[in-house]
C-alpha atoms as a PDB file:
ATOM      1  CA  MET A   1     -90.380  96.051-103.640  1.00  0.00           C
ATOM      2  CA  GLY A   2     -93.782  97.079-105.811  1.00  0.00           C
ATOM      3  CA  ASP A   3     -92.826  93.606-107.403  1.00  0.00           C
ATOM      4  CA  ILE A   4     -92.849  91.870-103.884  1.00  0.00           C
ATOM      5  CA  ALA A   5     -96.417  93.366-102.567  1.00  0.00           C
ATOM      6  CA  ALA A   6     -97.880  92.360-106.151  1.00  0.00           C
ATOM      7  CA  LEU A   7     -96.629  88.781-105.642  1.00  0.00           C
ATOM      8  CA  GLU A   8     -98.006  88.743-102.204  1.00  0.00           C
ATOM      9  CA  ALA A   9    -101.333  90.107-103.431  1.00  0.00           C
ATOM     10  CA  GLN A  10    -101.432  87.139-105.976  1.00  0.00           C
ATOM     11  CA  ILE A  11    -100.627  84.583-103.594  1.00  0.00           C
ATOM     12  CA  ALA A  12    -103.173  85.475-101.480  1.00  0.00           C
ATOM     13  CA  PHE A  13    -105.577  85.400-103.912  1.00  0.00           C
ATOM     14  CA  VAL A  14    -104.966  82.037-104.929  1.00  0.00           C
ATOM     15  CA  GLU A  15    -104.730  80.685-101.235  1.00  0.00           C
ATOM     16  CA  ASP A  16    -108.225  82.625-100.967  1.00  0.00           C
ATOM     17  CA  THR A  17    -109.752  80.840-104.293  1.00  0.00           C
ATOM     18  CA  VAL A  18    -108.375  77.312-103.421  1.00  0.00           C
ATOM     19  CA  GLN A  19    -110.201  77.602-100.012  1.00  0.00           C
ATOM     20  CA  ALA A  20    -113.248  78.455-101.632  1.00  0.00           C
ATOM     21  CA  LEU A  21    -112.926  75.667-104.137  1.00  0.00           C
ATOM     22  CA  ASP A  22    -111.992  73.481-101.162  1.00  0.00           C
ATOM     23  CA  GLU A  23    -115.473  74.273 -99.760  1.00  0.00           C
ATOM     24  CA  ALA A  24    -117.384  73.950-102.634  1.00  0.00           C
ATOM     25  CA  LEU A  25    -116.243  70.493-103.309  1.00  0.00           C
ATOM     26  CA  ALA A  26    -116.719  69.325-100.047  1.00  0.00           C
ATOM     27  CA  ALA A  27    -120.203  70.529-100.076  1.00  0.00           C
ATOM     28  CA  GLN A  28    -120.517  68.997-103.724  1.00  0.00           C
ATOM     29  CA  GLN A  29    -119.554  65.767-102.273  1.00  0.00           C
ATOM     30  CA  GLN A  30    -121.980  65.564 -99.339  1.00  0.00           C
ATOM     31  CA  HIS A  31    -124.537  66.505-101.956  1.00  0.00           C
ATOM     32  CA  ILE A  32    -123.588  63.569-104.129  1.00  0.00           C
ATOM     33  CA  LEU A  33    -123.341  61.107-101.100  1.00  0.00           C
ATOM     34  CA  ARG A  34    -127.232  62.487-100.099  1.00  0.00           C
ATOM     35  CA  LEU A  35    -128.488  61.798-103.845  1.00  0.00           C
ATOM     36  CA  GLU A  36    -127.002  57.997-103.892  1.00  0.00           C
ATOM     37  CA  ARG A  37    -128.356  57.405-100.951  1.00  0.00           C
ATOM     38  CA  GLN A  38    -131.684  58.559-102.371  1.00  0.00           C
ATOM     39  CA  ILE A  39    -130.678  56.448-105.436  1.00  0.00           C
ATOM     40  CA  GLU A  40    -130.114  53.435-103.228  1.00  0.00           C
ATOM     41  CA  ARG A  41    -133.902  53.817-101.480  1.00  0.00           C
ATOM     42  CA  LEU A  42    -135.681  54.541-104.773  1.00  0.00           C
ATOM     43  CA  GLN A  43    -134.083  51.433-106.312  1.00  0.00           C
ATOM     44  CA  GLN A  44    -134.811  49.418-103.306  1.00  0.00           C
ATOM     45  CA  GLN A  45    -138.793  50.501-103.569  1.00  0.00           C
ATOM     46  CA  LEU A  46    -138.756  49.727-106.932  1.00  0.00           C
ATOM     47  CA  LYS A  47    -138.156  46.156-106.348  1.00  0.00           C
ATOM     48  CA  ASP A  48    -140.205  45.918-103.739  1.00  0.00           C
ATOM     49  CA  GLN A  49    -142.933  47.032-105.591  1.00  0.00           C
ATOM     50  CA  GLY A  50    -141.897  44.746-108.527  1.00  0.00           C
ATOM     51  CA  ALA A  51    -141.945  42.237-106.092  1.00  0.00           C
ATOM     52  CA  ARG A  52    -145.514  42.987-105.429  1.00  0.00           C
ATOM     53  CA  LEU A  53    -146.774  43.125-108.395  1.00  0.00           C
ATOM     54  CA  ASP A  54    -145.194  39.737-109.379  1.00  0.00           C
ATOM     55  CA  GLN A  55    -147.110  38.417-106.244  1.00  0.00           C
ATOM     56  CA  VAL A  56    -150.255  39.756-107.514  1.00  0.00           C
ATOM     57  CA  ALA A  57    -150.083  38.838-110.847  1.00  0.00           C
ATOM     58  CA  ALA A  58    -149.234  35.035-109.401  1.00  0.00           C
ATOM     59  CA  ASP A  59    -152.244  35.341-107.317  1.00  0.00           C
ATOM     60  CA  ALA A  60    -154.355  36.378-110.658  1.00  0.00           C
ATOM     61  CA  SER A  61    -153.713  33.552-112.710  1.00  0.00           C
ATOM     62  CA  GLU A  62    -156.780  31.376-111.000  1.00  0.00           C
ATOM     63  CA  PRO A  63    -158.655  29.811-113.773  1.00  0.00           C
ATOM     64  CA  PRO A  64    -161.646  31.839-114.267  1.00  0.00           C
ATOM     65  CA  PRO A  65    -165.399  30.762-112.313  1.00  0.00           C
ATOM     66  CA  PRO A  66    -166.708  28.785-114.861  1.00  0.00           C
ATOM     67  CA  HIS A  67    -169.865  31.254-116.798  1.00  0.00           C
ATOM     68  CA  TYR A  68    -172.418  28.969-116.404  1.00  0.00           C
END
């Protein structure tokens, strides 16, 4: 009977461990999704900023005024 009790204890431990790992995995997946959304926003901001800089550079390409 002692062997059966030991096996039941091991199974209970394994089930608890699997549950904890499942919860940790779900939390990590949510964190990854948030980070991916943040990266997408930052990429868009960089793209927009680059377009604004290109526009400023294009506007600044006017010939300089005469020095006289």
